[in-house]
Every structure is written in C-alpha cells, then in structure tokens.
C-alpha atoms as a PDB file:
ATOM      1  CA  MET A   1      14.283 -20.944  13.196  1.00  0.00           C
ATOM      2  CA  SER A   2      12.650 -18.533  10.007  1.00  0.00           C
ATOM      3  CA  ARG A   3      11.811 -15.625  10.597  1.00  0.00           C
ATOM      4  CA  THR A   4       8.780 -16.018   8.541  1.00  0.00           C
ATOM      5  CA  LEU A   5       5.793 -18.155   8.259  1.00  0.00           C
ATOM      6  CA  VAL A   6       2.776 -18.991   5.716  1.00  0.00           C
ATOM      7  CA  ALA A   7      -0.602 -20.561   6.487  1.00  0.00           C
ATOM      8  CA  SER A   8      -1.540 -23.651   4.374  1.00  0.00           C
ATOM      9  CA  PRO A   9      -4.293 -23.922   2.618  1.00  0.00           C
ATOM     10  CA  GLU A  10      -6.195 -26.025   5.246  1.00  0.00           C
ATOM     11  CA  GLY A  11      -4.929 -23.337   7.792  1.00  0.00           C
ATOM     12  CA  VAL A  12      -6.380 -20.047   5.614  1.00  0.00           C
ATOM     13  CA  GLN A  13      -9.807 -21.858   5.597  1.00  0.00           C
ATOM     14  CA  LEU A  14      -9.597 -22.139   8.903  1.00  0.00           C
ATOM     15  CA  ALA A  15      -8.691 -18.193   9.506  1.00  0.00           C
ATOM     16  CA  ARG A  16     -11.514 -17.071   7.468  1.00  0.00           C
ATOM     17  CA  LYS A  17     -14.294 -18.811   8.900  1.00  0.00           C
ATOM     18  CA  ALA A  18     -12.690 -17.535  12.460  1.00  0.00           C
ATOM     19  CA  LEU A  19     -12.696 -14.062  10.387  1.00  0.00           C
ATOM     20  CA  LYS A  20     -16.268 -14.738   9.094  1.00  0.00           C
ATOM     21  CA  ALA A  21     -17.191 -15.577  12.930  1.00  0.00           C
ATOM     22  CA  ARG A  22     -16.314 -12.631  14.213  1.00  0.00           C
ATOM     23  CA  ASN A  23     -17.832 -10.444  11.484  1.00  0.00           C
ATOM     24  CA  LEU A  24     -14.668  -8.759  10.363  1.00  0.00           C
ATOM     25  CA  THR A  25     -13.330  -7.578   7.041  1.00  0.00           C
ATOM     26  CA  GLN A  26      -9.410  -7.973   6.360  1.00  0.00           C
ATOM     27  CA  THR A  27      -9.696  -4.333   6.561  1.00  0.00           C
ATOM     28  CA  ASP A  28     -11.720  -4.342  10.542  1.00  0.00           C
ATOM     29  CA  PHE A  29      -9.084  -6.868  11.166  1.00  0.00           C
ATOM     30  CA  ALA A  30      -5.700  -5.194  10.157  1.00  0.00           C
ATOM     31  CA  MET A  31      -7.096  -2.654  12.446  1.00  0.00           C
ATOM     32  CA  GLU A  32      -7.823  -4.539  15.432  1.00  0.00           C
ATOM     33  CA  VAL A  33      -4.317  -6.284  15.459  1.00  0.00           C
ATOM     34  CA  LYS A  34      -2.932  -2.617  14.772  1.00  0.00           C
ATOM     35  CA  LEU A  35      -1.134  -4.316  11.674  1.00  0.00           C
ATOM     36  CA  GLY A  36      -0.515  -3.492   8.101  1.00  0.00           C
ATOM     37  CA  TYR A  37      -3.144  -4.235   5.859  1.00  0.00           C
ATOM     38  CA  THR A  38      -0.318  -6.005   2.959  1.00  0.00           C
ATOM     39  CA  THR A  39       0.548  -8.063   6.458  1.00  0.00           C
ATOM     40  CA  VAL A  40      -3.248  -9.467   6.819  1.00  0.00           C
ATOM     41  CA  SER A  41      -3.946  -9.597   3.034  1.00  0.00           C
ATOM     42  CA  ASN A  42      -0.464 -11.913   2.881  1.00  0.00           C
ATOM     43  CA  PHE A  43      -1.320 -13.712   6.008  1.00  0.00           C
ATOM     44  CA  PHE A  44      -5.020 -15.063   4.565  1.00  0.00           C
ATOM     45  CA  ASN A  45      -3.503 -15.418   0.939  1.00  0.00           C
ATOM     46  CA  ALA A  46      -0.939 -18.098   2.051  1.00  0.00           C
ATOM     47  CA  LYS A  47       2.403 -15.878   1.471  1.00  0.00           C
ATOM     48  CA  PRO A  48       5.055 -15.212   4.218  1.00  0.00           C
ATOM     49  CA  ILE A  49       4.569 -13.057   7.320  1.00  0.00           C
ATOM     50  CA  TYR A  50       6.927 -12.207  10.434  1.00  0.00           C
ATOM     51  CA  ARG A  51       6.646 -15.358  12.722  1.00  0.00           C
ATOM     52  CA  THR A  52       5.485 -12.886  15.674  1.00  0.00           C
ATOM     53  CA  ASN A  53       2.868 -11.339  13.359  1.00  0.00           C
ATOM     54  CA  PHE A  54       1.839 -14.660  12.122  1.00  0.00           C
ATOM     55  CA  GLN A  55       1.398 -15.978  16.159  1.00  0.00           C
ATOM     56  CA  GLU A  56      -0.581 -12.683  17.051  1.00  0.00           C
ATOM     57  CA  MET A  57      -3.260 -12.840  14.347  1.00  0.00           C
ATOM     58  CA  CYS A  58      -3.804 -16.825  15.430  1.00  0.00           C
ATOM     59  CA  VAL A  59      -4.158 -15.547  19.409  1.00  0.00           C
ATOM     60  CA  PHE A  60      -6.669 -12.826  18.183  1.00  0.00           C
ATOM     61  CA  LEU A  61      -8.592 -15.769  16.066  1.00  0.00           C
ATOM     62  CA  GLY A  62      -8.551 -18.224  18.870  1.00  0.00           C
ATOM     63  CA  LEU A  63      -6.374 -20.161  17.124  1.00  0.00           C
ATOM     64  CA  ASP A  64      -3.539 -22.539  17.220  1.00  0.00           C
ATOM     65  CA  TRP A  65      -0.857 -21.109  14.951  1.00  0.00           C
ATOM     66  CA  GLN A  66       1.221 -24.422  15.173  1.00  0.00           C
ATOM     67  CA  ASP A  67      -2.630 -25.767  13.240  1.00  0.00           C
ATOM     68  CA  ILE A  68      -2.132 -22.925  10.270  1.00  0.00           C
ATOM     69  CA  ALA A  69       1.311 -22.639   9.586  1.00  0.00           C
ATOM     70  CA  VAL A  70       3.012 -24.602   6.958  1.00  0.00           C
ATOM     71  CA  PHE A  71       6.288 -26.867   8.137  1.00  0.00           C
ATOM     72  CA  GLY A  72       8.900 -28.483   6.645  1.00  0.00           C
ATOM     73  CA  GLU A  73       9.521 -28.373   2.937  1.00  0.00           C
ATOM     74  CA  ALA A  74       6.829 -25.822   2.052  1.00  0.00           C
ATOM     75  CA  GLU A  75       8.555 -23.070   4.925  1.00  0.00           C
ATOM     76  CA  PRO A  76       8.444 -19.754   2.520  1.00  0.00           C
ATOM     77  CA  GLN A  77      11.339 -18.433   0.845  1.00  0.00           C
ATOM     78  CA  GLU A  78      12.773 -15.138   2.730  1.00  0.00           C
ATOM     79  CA  LEU A  79      11.652 -12.188   0.815  1.00  0.00           C
ATOM     80  CA  THR A  80      14.329  -9.942  -1.160  1.00  0.00           C
ATOM     81  CA  PRO A  81      16.191  -6.780   0.406  1.00  0.00           C
ATOM     82  CA  LEU A  82      13.742  -4.665  -1.539  1.00  0.00           C
ATOM     83  CA  ASP A  83      10.727  -6.500  -0.571  1.00  0.00           C
ATOM     84  CA  ASN A  84      11.856  -7.087   3.376  1.00  0.00           C
ATOM     85  CA  LEU A  85      12.471  -2.869   3.639  1.00  0.00           C
ATOM     86  CA  TRP A  86       8.865  -2.414   2.004  1.00  0.00           C
ATOM     87  CA  GLN A  87       7.636  -4.820   4.545  1.00  0.00           C
ATOM     88  CA  GLN A  88       9.159  -2.314   7.025  1.00  0.00           C
ATOM     89  CA  LEU A  89       7.775   0.709   5.832  1.00  0.00           C
ATOM     90  CA  GLN A  90       4.521  -1.238   5.304  1.00  0.00           C
ATOM     91  CA  LEU A  91       4.341  -2.170   8.803  1.00  0.00           C
ATOM     92  CA  LEU A  92       4.417   1.142   9.833  1.00  0.00           C
ATOM     93  CA  SER A  93       1.236   2.081   8.182  1.00  0.00           C
ATOM     94  CA  SER A  94      -2.000   2.278   9.083  1.00  0.00           C
ATOM     95  CA  PRO A  95      -4.565   1.137   6.911  1.00  0.00           C
ATOM     96  CA  THR A  96      -7.188   4.197   5.679  1.00  0.00           C
ATOM     97  CA  GLU A  97     -10.536   5.104   3.731  1.00  0.00           C
ATOM     98  CA  GLN A  98      -8.728   8.446   3.264  1.00  0.00           C
ATOM     99  CA  MET A  99      -6.900   7.712  -0.044  1.00  0.00           C
ATOM    100  CA  GLY A 100      -7.825   5.821  -2.911  1.00  0.00           C
ATOM    101  CA  VAL A 101      -8.542   4.824  -6.346  1.00  0.00           C
ATOM    102  CA  VAL A 102     -11.068   7.163  -8.317  1.00  0.00           C
ATOM    103  CA  LEU A 103     -12.293   5.285 -12.118  1.00  0.00           C
ATOM    104  CA  VAL A 104     -12.206   8.061 -14.496  1.00  0.00           C
ATOM    105  CA  LYS A 105     -14.353   8.024 -18.175  1.00  0.00           C
ATOM    106  CA  GLU A 106     -12.132   6.342 -21.164  1.00  0.00           C
ATOM    107  CA  GLU A 107     -14.017   8.912 -23.787  1.00  0.00           C
ATOM    108  CA  THR A 108     -13.387  12.135 -21.728  1.00  0.00           C
ATOM    109  CA  LEU A 109     -10.570  11.922 -19.880  1.00  0.00           C
ATOM    110  CA  ARG A 110     -11.189  15.620 -18.705  1.00  0.00           C
ATOM    111  CA  TRP A 111     -11.028  17.193 -15.456  1.00  0.00           C
ATOM    112  CA  GLY A 112     -13.933  17.131 -13.480  1.00  0.00           C
ATOM    113  CA  HIS A 113     -15.510  14.145 -15.520  1.00  0.00           C
ATOM    114  CA  LYS A 114     -15.209  11.144 -13.359  1.00  0.00           C
ATOM    115  CA  ILE A 115     -17.596   8.226 -12.481  1.00  0.00           C
ATOM    116  CA  PRO A 116     -18.857   8.804  -9.072  1.00  0.00           C
ATOM    117  CA  SER A 117     -17.880   5.720  -6.592  1.00  0.00           C
ATOM    118  CA  ARG A 118     -16.369   4.717  -3.419  1.00  0.00           C
ATOM    119  CA  TYR A 119     -13.087   4.123  -3.509  1.00  0.00           C
ATOM    120  CA  GLU A 120     -12.318   1.073  -6.285  1.00  0.00           C
ATOM    121  CA  LYS A 121     -10.456  -2.035  -4.782  1.00  0.00           C
ATOM    122  CA  SER A 122     -10.329  -3.869  -8.288  1.00  0.00           C
ATOM    123  CA  VAL A 123      -9.728  -1.848 -11.575  1.00  0.00           C
ATOM    124  CA  GLN A 124      -9.157  -3.886 -15.194  1.00  0.00           C
ATOM    125  CA  VAL A 125      -6.121  -3.525 -17.164  1.00  0.00           C
ATOM    126  CA  GLY A 126      -7.165  -0.501 -19.859  1.00  0.00           C
ATOM    127  CA  SER A 127      -9.327   1.385 -17.995  1.00  0.00           C
ATOM    128  CA  TYR A 128      -7.615   5.239 -16.620  1.00  0.00           C
ATOM    129  CA  ILE A 129      -8.094   5.711 -12.525  1.00  0.00           C
ATOM    130  CA  ARG A 130      -6.829   9.082 -10.231  1.00  0.00           C
ATOM    131  CA  PHE A 131      -5.589   9.088  -7.070  1.00  0.00           C
ATOM    132  CA  GLU A 132      -6.951  10.852  -4.011  1.00  0.00           C
ATOM    133  CA  VAL A 133      -5.445  12.048  -0.879  1.00  0.00           C
ATOM    134  CA  ASN A 134      -8.153  13.329   1.749  1.00  0.00           C
ATOM    135  CA  LEU A 135      -5.667  15.729   4.141  1.00  0.00           C
ATOM    136  CA  GLU A 136      -6.355  16.485   7.725  1.00  0.00           C
ATOM    137  CA  THR A 137      -3.911  18.840   8.418  1.00  0.00           C
ATOM    138  CA  PRO A 138      -1.390  20.573   5.549  1.00  0.00           C
ATOM    139  CA  GLY A 139       1.633  18.768   5.239  1.00  0.00           C
ATOM    140  CA  TYR A 140       4.194  17.569   2.589  1.00  0.00           C
ATOM    141  CA  LEU A 141       3.633  14.482   0.991  1.00  0.00           C
ATOM    142  CA  ILE A 142       5.762  11.771  -0.652  1.00  0.00           C
ATOM    143  CA  LEU A 143       3.250   9.100  -2.418  1.00  0.00           C
ATOM    144  CA  LEU A 144       4.852   5.856  -3.151  1.00  0.00           C
ATOM    145  CA  GLN A 145       3.451   2.847  -5.332  1.00  0.00           C
ATOM    146  CA  LYS A 146       4.462  -0.976  -5.383  1.00  0.00           C
ATOM    147  CA  ASP A 147       3.203  -1.917  -8.634  1.00  0.00           C
ATOM    148  CA  THR A 148       2.608  -5.561  -9.774  1.00  0.00           C
ATOM    149  CA  SER A 149       5.819  -6.292 -10.831  1.00  0.00           C
ATOM    150  CA  GLY A 150       6.550  -5.609  -7.875  1.00  0.00           C
ATOM    151  CA  GLN A 151       8.808  -1.944  -8.891  1.00  0.00           C
ATOM    152  CA  LEU A 152       8.540   0.604  -6.567  1.00  0.00           C
ATOM    153  CA  TRP A 153       8.025   4.084  -7.465  1.00  0.00           C
ATOM    154  CA  CYS A 154       7.931   7.999  -6.200  1.00  0.00           C
ATOM    155  CA  PHE A 155       4.700   9.307  -7.532  1.00  0.00           C
ATOM    156  CA  CYS A 156       5.066  12.518  -5.132  1.00  0.00           C
ATOM    157  CA  PRO A 157       6.774  14.665  -5.914  1.00  0.00           C
ATOM    158  CA  SER A 158       7.149  13.990  -9.475  1.00  0.00           C
ATOM    159  CA  CYS A 159       6.035  15.460 -12.658  1.00  0.00           C
ATOM    160  CA  PHE A 160       2.349  14.106 -11.998  1.00  0.00           C
ATOM    161  CA  ALA A 161       2.499  16.232  -8.643  1.00  0.00           C
ATOM    162  CA  ARG A 162       4.264  19.319  -8.844  1.00  0.00           C
ATOM    163  CA  GLN A 163       3.164  20.503  -5.496  1.00  0.00           C
ATOM    164  CA  PRO A 164       4.039  18.009  -2.482  1.00  0.00           C
ATOM    165  CA  GLN A 165       3.367  20.901  -0.251  1.00  0.00           C
ATOM    166  CA  LEU A 166      -0.484  20.712   0.148  1.00  0.00           C
ATOM    167  CA  ASN A 167      -3.162  22.626   2.336  1.00  0.00           C
ATOM    168  CA  THR A 168      -5.929  20.633   4.429  1.00  0.00           C
ATOM    169  CA  GLY A 169      -8.478  18.757   2.020  1.00  0.00           C
ATOM    170  CA  LYS A 170      -8.897  16.881  -0.916  1.00  0.00           C
ATOM    171  CA  THR A 171      -5.557  16.292  -3.549  1.00  0.00           C
ATOM    172  CA  THR A 172      -5.692  14.497  -6.656  1.00  0.00           C
ATOM    173  CA  LEU A 173      -2.950  12.631  -8.764  1.00  0.00           C
ATOM    174  CA  PRO A 174      -2.801  13.652 -11.696  1.00  0.00           C
ATOM    175  CA  GLN A 175      -2.600  17.232 -10.206  1.00  0.00           C
ATOM    176  CA  GLU A 176      -4.027  19.927 -12.817  1.00  0.00           C
ATOM    177  CA  GLY A 177      -1.089  21.101 -15.025  1.00  0.00           C
ATOM    178  CA  SER A 178       0.062  17.676 -15.417  1.00  0.00           C
ATOM    179  CA  SER A 179       0.929  16.825 -19.049  1.00  0.00           C
ATOM    180  CA  ILE A 180      -2.111  14.006 -18.719  1.00  0.00           C
ATOM    181  CA  THR A 181      -5.338  14.136 -16.587  1.00  0.00           C
ATOM    182  CA  SER A 182      -5.534  10.149 -15.702  1.00  0.00           C
ATOM    183  CA  PHE A 183      -3.367   7.540 -15.212  1.00  0.00           C
ATOM    184  CA  PRO A 184      -3.564   4.678 -17.575  1.00  0.00           C
ATOM    185  CA  ILE A 185      -4.199   0.563 -16.145  1.00  0.00           C
ATOM    186  CA  GLU A 186      -1.349  -1.374 -17.948  1.00  0.00           C
ATOM    187  CA  GLY A 187       0.524  -4.457 -16.994  1.00  0.00           C
ATOM    188  CA  GLU A 188       0.065  -7.249 -15.511  1.00  0.00           C
ATOM    189  CA  PRO A 189      -3.093  -8.345 -13.233  1.00  0.00           C
ATOM    190  CA  GLY A 190      -1.964  -8.327  -9.446  1.00  0.00           C
ATOM    191  CA  LYS A 191      -1.940  -5.770  -6.236  1.00  0.00           C
ATOM    192  CA  GLU A 192      -1.061  -2.610  -6.581  1.00  0.00           C
ATOM    193  CA  GLU A 193      -0.238  -1.081  -3.098  1.00  0.00           C
ATOM    194  CA  ILE A 194       0.012   2.679  -2.072  1.00  0.00           C
ATOM    195  CA  ILE A 195       2.176   4.169   1.176  1.00  0.00           C
ATOM    196  CA  ALA A 196       1.491   7.669   1.501  1.00  0.00           C
ATOM    197  CA  VAL A 197       3.942   9.612   4.282  1.00  0.00           C
ATOM    198  CA  PHE A 198       3.004  13.043   5.571  1.00  0.00           C
ATOM    199  CA  THR A 199       5.732  15.747   7.170  1.00  0.00           C
ATOM    200  CA  LYS A 200       5.176  18.772   8.658  1.00  0.00           C
ATOM    201  CA  GLU A 201       8.130  20.606   6.639  1.00  0.00           C
ATOM    202  CA  VAL A 202      10.148  18.793   3.832  1.00  0.00           C
ATOM    203  CA  PRO A 203      11.758  15.650   4.924  1.00  0.00           C
ATOM    204  CA  ALA A 204      15.686  15.799   4.510  1.00  0.00           C
ATOM    205  CA  LEU A 205      15.731  13.052   1.915  1.00  0.00           C
ATOM    206  CA  ASP A 206      18.610  13.856  -0.532  1.00  0.00           C
ATOM    207  CA  TRP A 207      16.757  11.384  -2.918  1.00  0.00           C
ATOM    208  CA  LEU A 208      13.368  13.343  -3.409  1.00  0.00           C
ATOM    209  CA  PRO A 209      13.181  13.873  -7.305  1.00  0.00           C
ATOM    210  CA  PRO A 210      12.283  17.525  -8.685  1.00  0.00           C
ATOM    211  CA  GLY A 211       8.742  18.106  -9.297  1.00  0.00           C
ATOM    212  CA  ASP A 212       9.305  18.059 -12.981  1.00  0.00           C
ATOM    213  CA  ASN A 213      11.062  14.721 -13.182  1.00  0.00           C
ATOM    214  CA  GLU A 214       9.240  11.466 -14.171  1.00  0.00           C
ATOM    215  CA  PRO A 215       8.487   9.216 -10.948  1.00  0.00           C
ATOM    216  CA  LEU A 216      12.044   7.830  -9.924  1.00  0.00           C
ATOM    217  CA  GLU A 217      12.004   4.253  -9.437  1.00  0.00           C
ATOM    218  CA  LEU A 218      13.190   3.257  -6.012  1.00  0.00           C
ATOM    219  CA  GLU A 219      16.059   1.270  -4.666  1.00  0.00           C
ATOM    220  CA  ALA A 220      17.088  -0.171  -1.589  1.00  0.00           C
ATOM    221  CA  SER A 221      18.729   2.786  -0.572  1.00  0.00           C
ATOM    222  CA  HIS A 222      15.883   5.125  -0.735  1.00  0.00           C
ATOM    223  CA  LEU A 223      13.862   3.231   1.343  1.00  0.00           C
ATOM    224  CA  VAL A 224      16.761   2.355   4.069  1.00  0.00           C
ATOM    225  CA  ALA A 225      16.740   6.516   4.010  1.00  0.00           C
ATOM    226  CA  LEU A 226      13.388   7.253   4.242  1.00  0.00           C
ATOM    227  CA  LEU A 227      12.809   4.355   7.493  1.00  0.00           C
ATOM    228  CA  GLU A 228      15.442   5.946   8.783  1.00  0.00           C
ATOM    229  CA  TYR A 229      14.084   9.766   8.561  1.00  0.00           C
ATOM    230  CA  VAL A 230      10.764   8.836   9.607  1.00  0.00           C
ATOM    231  CA  THR A 231      11.701   6.769  12.619  1.00  0.00           C
ATOM    232  CA  GLU A 232      14.196   9.346  13.660  1.00  0.00           C
ATOM    233  CA  SER A 233      12.040  12.272  13.012  1.00  0.00           C
ATOM    234  CA  GLY A 234       8.372  11.438  15.094  1.00  0.00           C
ATOM    235  CA  GLU A 235       6.086  13.808  13.495  1.00  0.00           C
ATOM    236  CA  TYR A 236       4.569  12.303  10.259  1.00  0.00           C
ATOM    237  CA  GLN A 237       1.921  10.182   9.227  1.00  0.00           C
ATOM    238  CA  LEU A 238       1.979   6.575   7.207  1.00  0.00           C
ATOM    239  CA  TRP A 239      -1.334   5.716   5.332  1.00  0.00           C
ATOM    240  CA  TYR A 240      -1.529   2.324   3.540  1.00  0.00           C
ATOM    241  CA  THR A 241      -3.740   1.093   1.028  1.00  0.00           C
ATOM    242  CA  ASP A 242      -4.289  -1.442  -2.319  1.00  0.00           C
ATOM    243  CA  TYR A 243      -6.347  -2.116  -5.158  1.00  0.00           C
ATOM    244  CA  MET A 244      -6.411  -5.326  -7.721  1.00  0.00           C
ATOM    245  CA  VAL A 245      -5.189  -5.000 -11.437  1.00  0.00           C
ATOM    246  CA  THR A 246      -7.526  -7.199 -13.562  1.00  0.00           C
ATOM    247  CA  ALA A 247      -7.420  -8.754 -16.668  1.00  0.00           C
ATOM    248  CA  GLN A 248     -10.295  -6.944 -19.424  1.00  0.00           C
END
C-alpha cells in the first residue's frame, strides 16, 4: 500500500465545492485541520500527500476518500528524499500571515520606496521584491526557500541577512547594509515556498553559513540535522508561506 494518495480531477472538483460550501479559503482550511499549507495546496492541485493527511481532509470535508483518490495506474510517484525532508519540515510549520513578499518599485530600488500592499501571493518574473517577517519575540531566524526549480536555499543567515539574531518587530530581507536592496524575480514560473525557523538561542547546527556568505544551497544532510534539532530542542517556532511566480 502506497504511503501517499493523490486526488483525481473529479475528486479535486468535489473537494473544491465542499470547501466553498464551508466558506473557507485553503489557508483557513489548513488551520482548521492543523496541517501545513503546502499539504493542503497539494491536495487541491492533485499532487501526492501522505495517505493519513488525505483521509483526514476528506473526513473534514464530509467526503469519502475512496471517491476522491486516484487508484491503479495513476498512483502517484514517491517524493525524492530531499522533497520528503522538506515536506516533513513543512508539516511541522504553521501557515502564517506574519511574513510575506512585498513588491518594490523597479525604477527606484531604494530603501523606503515600496508599493504599499498586503503581502503578495503572486509576483511576475522581472519584478523586484523584499521579504518581511514580523517577529512576536526576540530570537534567532533561519529563513529557507524552495524555488520554482525545486532547489532549496538558506537566505538567513547569508550576505543578505548578516544579523540573524533579531529583536521583536518587523525585519526585512535584504537587510540594510546588504549589497542589494531587493531580490529580482528570475527563473521559471511556479510556486516558491518559505519556511522560517525561530529559536531562542543560536541553534547548534554546524552547517549554518556565516553572515558574509552567499545563500547556502541545502542538501538532505542539512535538513536531517535541522529536523533533528527542532524535534529535540522543543523551543522553536516554524512558520510557512508561499507565493506564485508568473510569466511576464
């Protein structure tokens, strides 16, 4: 028996109707079922998720999971080891509105000249962004990104976030004093995901890069060490958000 299930096209439609009938967004739904937003998004976009999560969401929506799932030849492929580790980290995370992407005016790219708006859920290739995190308590920040190609990066600490030890309130990446004042949106369209890890003290992780290094491309060993640390330490918070990169 496969550990994962995927919804059929017809099943996705039934699930979306059930969600709409309850007047819930996918973010609301993730909070209700206490699952990460990526898991919920994958469910509604016919991507594989863990069988137990799939069944739990169907029960919440009042659906028979066997009417929603694909069986037989269409059974989903297993996740890669790196994707599996990322999903484990994401499952520990809580979806949040306390961090997100802010668009920056391309013609200025100076500090303080940004387009006032809520956090964006869709940005075009060629635009410029900053990333904001609103901290409830002081702590140490590790900020991880999964880009549209599936590569994983550590952006804090890095040369764009030399000060990972932060006070309460808003922090912006790139931090002031970085070589750039915003991030260009490049690459292929798709979904980018962000996980923020907050700890009270500097975590005992040998792989954390110095503040003057380029963002570290993450490998399975990095995520294994991080998962072990957060599950053993107990004193941490994990937040999750995502946004779509669209073509110009």
